[in-house]
Amino acid sequence: MKLYRFLSEDDTSAFCHKVSAALAKGWELYGPPTYAFDASNGVMRCGQAVTKEVAGEYTPDLKLGEQ
């Protein structure tokens, strides 16, 4: 099955580390990154979708970050 995650974080190195950690665990980039202003917190935020092919069947209680 193919899993999908959307990673987001404030526009700091923490975002790059989050995406790099996902790539190191076998996740693949899906589409271009996004960049938007978070007016409620007054910061820019980054986002990146990632996918990963894994064995098994999907269930809503699956912990995507642990895959």
N, C-alpha and C. Protein backbone atom coordinates (compact mmCIF):
# COMPACT_ATOMS: atom_id res chain seq x y z
N MET A 1 0.84 -1.17 0.00
CA MET A 1 0.00 0.00 0.00
C MET A 1 0.89 1.23 0.00
N LYS A 2 0.37 2.30 -0.51
CA LYS A 2 1.11 3.57 -0.52
C LYS A 2 0.55 4.46 0.58
N LEU A 3 1.47 4.98 1.42
CA LEU A 3 1.09 5.90 2.49
C LEU A 3 1.40 7.33 2.08
N TYR A 4 0.65 8.26 2.63
CA TYR A 4 0.80 9.69 2.33
C TYR A 4 0.90 10.45 3.64
N ARG A 5 1.84 11.39 3.70
CA ARG A 5 1.97 12.29 4.85
C ARG A 5 2.20 13.70 4.33
N PHE A 6 1.74 14.67 5.09
CA PHE A 6 2.04 16.06 4.78
C PHE A 6 2.81 16.61 5.97
N LEU A 7 4.06 16.97 5.72
CA LEU A 7 4.93 17.50 6.76
C LEU A 7 4.85 19.02 6.74
N SER A 8 4.73 19.64 7.90
CA SER A 8 4.73 21.11 7.95
C SER A 8 5.47 21.57 9.19
N GLU A 9 5.97 22.80 9.10
CA GLU A 9 6.78 23.34 10.19
C GLU A 9 7.00 24.82 9.90
N ASP A 10 7.32 25.58 10.92
CA ASP A 10 7.73 26.97 10.71
C ASP A 10 8.93 26.99 9.77
N ASP A 11 9.13 28.10 9.09
CA ASP A 11 10.24 28.24 8.13
C ASP A 11 11.56 28.39 8.88
N THR A 12 12.04 27.28 9.40
CA THR A 12 13.33 27.22 10.08
C THR A 12 14.03 25.95 9.62
N SER A 13 15.23 25.72 10.12
CA SER A 13 15.94 24.50 9.76
C SER A 13 15.20 23.26 10.26
N ALA A 14 14.31 23.42 11.25
CA ALA A 14 13.54 22.28 11.76
C ALA A 14 12.73 21.63 10.64
N PHE A 15 12.21 22.44 9.72
CA PHE A 15 11.45 21.88 8.59
C PHE A 15 12.35 21.02 7.73
N CYS A 16 13.52 21.52 7.40
CA CYS A 16 14.45 20.75 6.56
C CYS A 16 14.86 19.45 7.25
N HIS A 17 15.06 19.50 8.56
CA HIS A 17 15.42 18.29 9.30
C HIS A 17 14.26 17.29 9.30
N LYS A 18 13.03 17.78 9.42
CA LYS A 18 11.86 16.90 9.41
C LYS A 18 11.75 16.18 8.07
N VAL A 19 11.93 16.91 6.98
CA VAL A 19 11.85 16.30 5.64
C VAL A 19 13.04 15.36 5.44
N SER A 20 14.22 15.76 5.86
CA SER A 20 15.41 14.91 5.70
C SER A 20 15.25 13.61 6.48
N ALA A 21 14.68 13.66 7.68
CA ALA A 21 14.46 12.46 8.49
C ALA A 21 13.48 11.52 7.77
N ALA A 22 12.43 12.08 7.18
CA ALA A 22 11.47 11.26 6.44
C ALA A 22 12.14 10.60 5.23
N LEU A 23 12.96 11.35 4.51
CA LEU A 23 13.66 10.78 3.35
C LEU A 23 14.60 9.67 3.79
N ALA A 24 15.27 9.84 4.92
CA ALA A 24 16.19 8.82 5.44
C ALA A 24 15.44 7.54 5.82
N LYS A 25 14.15 7.65 6.14
CA LYS A 25 13.34 6.48 6.49
C LYS A 25 12.65 5.87 5.27
N GLY A 26 12.98 6.36 4.08
CA GLY A 26 12.45 5.76 2.86
C GLY A 26 11.25 6.47 2.25
N TRP A 27 10.79 7.57 2.85
CA TRP A 27 9.70 8.34 2.26
C TRP A 27 10.23 9.06 1.04
N GLU A 28 9.36 9.33 0.06
CA GLU A 28 9.74 10.03 -1.17
C GLU A 28 8.94 11.31 -1.30
N LEU A 29 9.59 12.34 -1.84
CA LEU A 29 8.91 13.61 -2.05
C LEU A 29 7.75 13.41 -3.01
N TYR A 30 6.65 14.11 -2.75
CA TYR A 30 5.48 14.03 -3.62
C TYR A 30 5.05 15.47 -3.92
N GLY A 31 5.34 15.92 -5.12
CA GLY A 31 4.99 17.28 -5.51
C GLY A 31 5.95 18.31 -4.94
N PRO A 32 5.71 19.57 -5.28
CA PRO A 32 6.60 20.64 -4.82
C PRO A 32 6.28 21.04 -3.37
N PRO A 33 7.24 21.67 -2.70
CA PRO A 33 6.97 22.18 -1.35
C PRO A 33 6.03 23.38 -1.41
N THR A 34 5.40 23.67 -0.28
CA THR A 34 4.53 24.84 -0.19
C THR A 34 5.10 25.80 0.85
N TYR A 35 4.68 27.05 0.75
CA TYR A 35 5.21 28.10 1.61
C TYR A 35 4.08 29.10 1.80
N ALA A 36 3.68 29.35 3.04
CA ALA A 36 2.54 30.24 3.27
C ALA A 36 2.71 30.98 4.59
N PHE A 37 2.04 32.12 4.70
CA PHE A 37 2.07 32.91 5.92
C PHE A 37 0.99 32.42 6.87
N ASP A 38 1.39 32.11 8.10
CA ASP A 38 0.48 31.70 9.16
C ASP A 38 0.13 32.96 9.96
N ALA A 39 -0.98 33.59 9.62
CA ALA A 39 -1.36 34.87 10.23
C ALA A 39 -1.64 34.74 11.72
N SER A 40 -2.16 33.61 12.16
CA SER A 40 -2.49 33.46 13.58
C SER A 40 -1.23 33.43 14.46
N ASN A 41 -0.10 32.98 13.89
CA ASN A 41 1.15 32.93 14.65
C ASN A 41 2.18 33.94 14.15
N GLY A 42 1.89 34.62 13.04
CA GLY A 42 2.79 35.63 12.50
C GLY A 42 4.10 35.08 11.95
N VAL A 43 4.06 33.86 11.39
CA VAL A 43 5.27 33.25 10.85
C VAL A 43 5.00 32.64 9.48
N MET A 44 6.05 32.45 8.73
CA MET A 44 5.95 31.70 7.48
C MET A 44 6.06 30.22 7.82
N ARG A 45 5.29 29.39 7.10
CA ARG A 45 5.30 27.94 7.31
C ARG A 45 5.59 27.24 6.00
N CYS A 46 6.29 26.14 6.09
CA CYS A 46 6.63 25.31 4.93
C CYS A 46 5.87 24.00 5.03
N GLY A 47 5.61 23.39 3.88
CA GLY A 47 4.96 22.09 3.85
C GLY A 47 5.49 21.26 2.70
N GLN A 48 5.51 19.95 2.89
CA GLN A 48 5.95 19.03 1.85
C GLN A 48 5.21 17.72 2.01
N ALA A 49 4.61 17.26 0.93
CA ALA A 49 3.96 15.95 0.93
C ALA A 49 5.02 14.89 0.63
N VAL A 50 4.87 13.73 1.29
CA VAL A 50 5.75 12.59 1.05
C VAL A 50 4.91 11.33 0.98
N THR A 51 5.40 10.33 0.25
CA THR A 51 4.71 9.05 0.15
C THR A 51 5.71 7.92 0.40
N LYS A 52 5.16 6.75 0.75
CA LYS A 52 6.02 5.59 0.98
C LYS A 52 5.22 4.32 0.71
N GLU A 53 5.83 3.40 0.01
CA GLU A 53 5.22 2.11 -0.28
C GLU A 53 5.60 1.15 0.85
N VAL A 54 4.59 0.54 1.50
CA VAL A 54 4.84 -0.40 2.60
C VAL A 54 3.92 -1.61 2.44
N ALA A 55 4.27 -2.69 3.12
CA ALA A 55 3.44 -3.90 3.11
C ALA A 55 2.27 -3.71 4.07
N GLY A 56 1.22 -4.47 3.87
CA GLY A 56 0.10 -4.44 4.79
C GLY A 56 -1.09 -3.67 4.26
N GLU A 57 -2.09 -3.54 5.12
CA GLU A 57 -3.30 -2.81 4.77
C GLU A 57 -3.43 -1.57 5.62
N TYR A 58 -4.04 -0.55 5.06
CA TYR A 58 -4.22 0.71 5.77
C TYR A 58 -5.31 0.59 6.83
N THR A 59 -5.04 1.18 7.98
CA THR A 59 -6.05 1.37 9.02
C THR A 59 -5.86 2.78 9.56
N PRO A 60 -6.94 3.44 9.97
CA PRO A 60 -6.84 4.83 10.46
C PRO A 60 -5.96 5.02 11.69
N ASP A 61 -5.72 3.96 12.45
CA ASP A 61 -4.89 4.10 13.65
C ASP A 61 -3.40 3.88 13.35
N LEU A 62 -3.03 3.71 12.09
CA LEU A 62 -1.64 3.54 11.68
C LEU A 62 -0.84 4.78 12.02
N LYS A 63 0.30 4.64 12.69
CA LYS A 63 1.18 5.75 13.03
C LYS A 63 2.11 6.00 11.85
N LEU A 64 1.79 6.98 11.03
CA LEU A 64 2.53 7.22 9.79
C LEU A 64 3.99 7.57 10.07
N GLY A 65 4.26 8.35 11.10
CA GLY A 65 5.63 8.74 11.41
C GLY A 65 6.52 7.59 11.82
N GLU A 66 5.92 6.48 12.20
CA GLU A 66 6.70 5.32 12.62
C GLU A 66 7.00 4.36 11.46
N GLN A 67 6.50 4.67 10.28
CA GLN A 67 6.69 3.79 9.12
C GLN A 67 8.01 4.04 8.46
